[in-house]
Amino acid sequence: MALPLRTDTPLPLVPLSWLLGRWEGAGVLGHPARGDADTRFGQVVEFGHDGRDFLSYTSTTWVLDEEGRTREPLDVETGFWRPQPVDLRTPAPADGPRPVQLEVLLAHPTGVVEVLVGTARGPRIDLSTDVVARTTTAHEYTAATRMYGTVEGDLLWALDVTLEGHPMRSYASARLKRVP
């Protein structure tokens, strides 16, 4: 499947241009630190840019009831995705596109700020925690990995976390559709 490329995309953002726009859908979360019961949620994710070489990012989630209706707000995160310059002197791998190094900065209203680092390679992004900063009232959140990718034109993502003394494990995932 060809990935869309907008003509107003700054060159450093081209490898991430498939993310640009608004995505909506639903997912599920569950973790022993939160009672381990699965919770269905709705989500809107928006990626944009203002002409500079980073993406702005906002994710808003809310709990869904059994009929799929909005029940209550769940979470918000906002931040910036910063692709790092690619060394074009290094040959591209034979098995696909050259990986792009990423720095992702995210802030949560729960008192957590995190920096993730990783790579984008075609329509797949893998990130892991570099730094987590928490306020004194924030829950004990110490590490995460995130994976984003496209399947059949949809944005799929998965989040694993180390939370409140529990080892790294699956926390949330969703499938989102691009909104025209």
Protein backbone atom coordinates (compact mmCIF):
# COMPACT_ATOMS: atom_id res chain seq x y z
CA MET A 1 0.00 0.00 0.00
CA ALA A 2 1.35 3.42 -0.95
CA LEU A 3 1.65 5.88 1.93
CA PRO A 4 0.15 9.35 1.39
CA LEU A 5 2.59 12.24 0.97
CA ARG A 6 1.42 15.80 1.40
CA THR A 7 3.13 18.49 -0.69
CA ASP A 8 3.52 20.86 2.30
CA THR A 9 5.59 18.38 4.32
CA PRO A 10 9.08 19.61 5.30
CA LEU A 11 11.77 17.22 4.05
CA PRO A 12 12.80 15.92 7.53
CA LEU A 13 9.16 14.89 8.15
CA VAL A 14 8.68 12.92 4.92
CA PRO A 15 9.37 9.54 6.61
CA LEU A 16 6.60 10.34 9.13
CA SER A 17 4.18 12.02 6.72
CA TRP A 18 1.88 8.97 6.73
CA LEU A 19 0.94 9.93 10.30
CA LEU A 20 -0.25 13.45 9.46
CA GLY A 21 -3.92 14.15 10.04
CA ARG A 22 -6.68 13.04 12.37
CA TRP A 23 -7.27 9.41 13.37
CA GLU A 24 -10.28 8.06 15.30
CA GLY A 25 -11.16 4.65 16.69
CA ALA A 26 -11.31 2.44 19.73
CA GLY A 27 -9.12 0.21 21.82
CA VAL A 28 -8.76 -1.65 25.07
CA LEU A 29 -6.61 -1.22 28.17
CA GLY A 30 -5.99 -3.35 31.21
CA HIS A 31 -3.23 -3.79 33.79
CA PRO A 32 -2.92 -5.37 37.26
CA ALA A 33 -2.14 -1.95 38.74
CA ARG A 34 -5.55 -0.80 37.51
CA GLY A 35 -7.54 -3.85 38.60
CA ASP A 36 -6.68 -5.90 35.50
CA ALA A 37 -10.21 -5.60 34.09
CA ASP A 38 -10.21 -4.64 30.42
CA THR A 39 -11.64 -1.20 29.69
CA ARG A 40 -12.83 -0.23 26.22
CA PHE A 41 -11.97 3.29 25.16
CA GLY A 42 -12.49 5.67 22.26
CA GLN A 43 -9.63 7.77 20.93
CA VAL A 44 -8.79 10.70 18.69
CA VAL A 45 -5.16 11.23 17.67
CA GLU A 46 -3.95 14.22 15.67
CA PHE A 47 -0.55 14.70 14.08
CA GLY A 48 0.28 18.05 12.50
CA HIS A 49 3.10 20.42 11.70
CA ASP A 50 3.59 24.15 11.37
CA GLY A 51 6.31 24.01 8.70
CA ARG A 52 9.14 23.24 11.10
CA ASP A 53 10.86 19.84 11.34
CA PHE A 54 8.75 18.21 14.09
CA LEU A 55 5.24 16.82 14.39
CA SER A 56 2.80 18.08 16.98
CA TYR A 57 0.82 15.28 18.62
CA THR A 58 -2.35 15.11 20.69
CA SER A 59 -4.23 12.03 21.89
CA THR A 60 -7.54 12.17 23.73
CA THR A 61 -9.22 9.05 25.12
CA TRP A 62 -12.48 8.35 26.92
CA VAL A 63 -14.10 5.29 28.49
CA LEU A 64 -16.79 3.59 26.40
CA ASP A 65 -19.82 1.83 27.88
CA GLU A 66 -21.13 -1.57 26.72
CA GLU A 67 -22.97 0.04 23.78
CA GLY A 68 -19.89 2.00 22.67
CA ARG A 69 -21.12 5.36 23.98
CA THR A 70 -18.83 7.84 25.73
CA ARG A 71 -18.94 7.37 29.49
CA GLU A 72 -16.17 9.56 30.94
CA PRO A 73 -12.84 11.17 30.03
CA LEU A 74 -9.87 8.82 30.36
CA ASP A 75 -6.60 10.49 29.38
CA VAL A 76 -4.94 13.17 27.29
CA GLU A 77 -1.35 13.31 26.12
CA THR A 78 0.30 15.96 24.06
CA GLY A 79 3.76 16.47 22.72
CA PHE A 80 6.17 16.53 19.83
CA TRP A 81 7.75 13.92 17.55
CA ARG A 82 11.24 14.95 16.41
CA PRO A 83 12.88 12.96 13.59
CA GLN A 84 16.65 13.23 13.63
CA PRO A 85 18.73 13.91 10.51
CA VAL A 86 19.51 10.85 8.42
CA ASP A 87 23.13 10.24 7.45
CA LEU A 88 22.75 9.74 3.70
CA ARG A 89 26.35 8.54 3.49
CA THR A 90 25.25 5.32 5.19
CA PRO A 91 23.87 2.88 2.62
CA ALA A 92 20.17 2.03 2.90
CA PRO A 93 19.55 -1.54 4.08
CA ALA A 94 18.71 -4.08 1.38
CA ASP A 95 15.54 -5.17 3.17
CA GLY A 96 13.67 -1.84 3.23
CA PRO A 97 13.81 1.88 3.88
CA ARG A 98 16.55 3.53 5.88
CA PRO A 99 15.50 3.83 9.57
CA VAL A 100 14.89 7.31 10.93
CA GLN A 101 15.85 8.01 14.55
CA LEU A 102 13.06 9.62 16.60
CA GLU A 103 12.79 11.57 19.82
CA VAL A 104 9.24 11.83 21.22
CA LEU A 105 8.35 14.19 24.06
CA LEU A 106 4.99 13.60 25.81
CA ALA A 107 3.19 15.32 28.70
CA HIS A 108 0.25 13.86 30.62
CA PRO A 109 -2.15 15.75 32.94
CA THR A 110 -1.49 13.06 35.59
CA GLY A 111 1.88 14.65 36.40
CA VAL A 112 4.03 12.53 34.08
CA VAL A 113 6.38 13.81 31.38
CA GLU A 114 8.32 11.32 29.29
CA VAL A 115 10.91 11.19 26.54
CA LEU A 116 10.88 8.18 24.25
CA VAL A 117 13.47 7.32 21.61
CA GLY A 118 13.31 4.89 18.75
CA THR A 119 13.08 4.42 15.02
CA ALA A 120 10.66 4.82 12.16
CA ARG A 121 11.13 2.44 9.29
CA GLY A 122 8.51 2.77 6.59
CA PRO A 123 5.06 2.46 8.18
CA ARG A 124 6.34 1.10 11.52
CA ILE A 125 7.57 3.01 14.55
CA ASP A 126 9.16 1.48 17.65
CA LEU A 127 9.78 3.63 20.73
CA SER A 128 11.05 3.03 24.25
CA THR A 129 11.44 5.19 27.33
CA ASP A 130 14.57 7.25 27.72
CA VAL A 131 13.42 9.44 30.64
CA VAL A 132 10.32 9.68 32.85
CA ALA A 133 9.75 12.65 35.18
CA ARG A 134 6.89 12.57 37.69
CA THR A 135 5.38 15.03 40.12
CA THR A 136 4.98 13.90 43.73
CA THR A 137 1.29 13.18 43.12
CA ALA A 138 1.76 11.14 39.92
CA HIS A 139 1.41 7.35 39.91
CA GLU A 140 4.58 5.27 39.80
CA TYR A 141 5.20 5.04 36.07
CA THR A 142 8.79 4.19 35.16
CA ALA A 143 9.08 2.84 31.60
CA ALA A 144 7.20 2.10 28.40
CA THR A 145 7.51 0.79 24.89
CA ARG A 146 5.23 1.88 22.07
CA MET A 147 4.70 0.50 18.60
CA TYR A 148 2.80 2.30 15.84
CA GLY A 149 2.11 0.98 12.37
CA THR A 150 -0.35 0.83 9.51
CA VAL A 151 -2.44 -2.18 8.58
CA GLU A 152 -4.93 -1.93 5.71
CA GLY A 153 -4.68 1.88 5.91
CA ASP A 154 -5.50 2.01 9.63
CA LEU A 155 -3.19 3.20 12.39
CA LEU A 156 -2.57 0.49 14.99
CA TRP A 157 -0.64 1.10 18.16
CA ALA A 158 0.31 -0.84 21.29
CA LEU A 159 1.68 0.35 24.63
CA ASP A 160 3.52 -1.75 27.22
CA VAL A 161 4.33 -0.18 30.60
CA THR A 162 6.14 -0.68 33.88
CA LEU A 163 3.66 0.65 36.40
CA GLU A 164 3.33 0.73 40.19
CA GLY A 165 5.84 -2.03 40.88
CA HIS A 166 4.62 -4.39 38.16
CA PRO A 167 7.08 -5.55 35.45
CA MET A 168 6.72 -4.41 31.84
CA ARG A 169 3.53 -5.76 30.30
CA SER A 170 0.80 -4.89 27.84
CA TYR A 171 -1.29 -1.90 28.89
CA ALA A 172 -3.27 -0.58 25.91
CA SER A 173 -3.77 -0.90 22.17
CA ALA A 174 -6.11 0.56 19.57
CA ARG A 175 -7.02 0.61 15.89
CA LEU A 176 -7.73 4.03 14.41
CA LYS A 177 -9.08 5.10 11.04
CA ARG A 178 -7.94 8.20 9.19
CA VAL A 179 -10.57 10.94 9.20
CA PRO A 180 -10.69 12.86 5.90
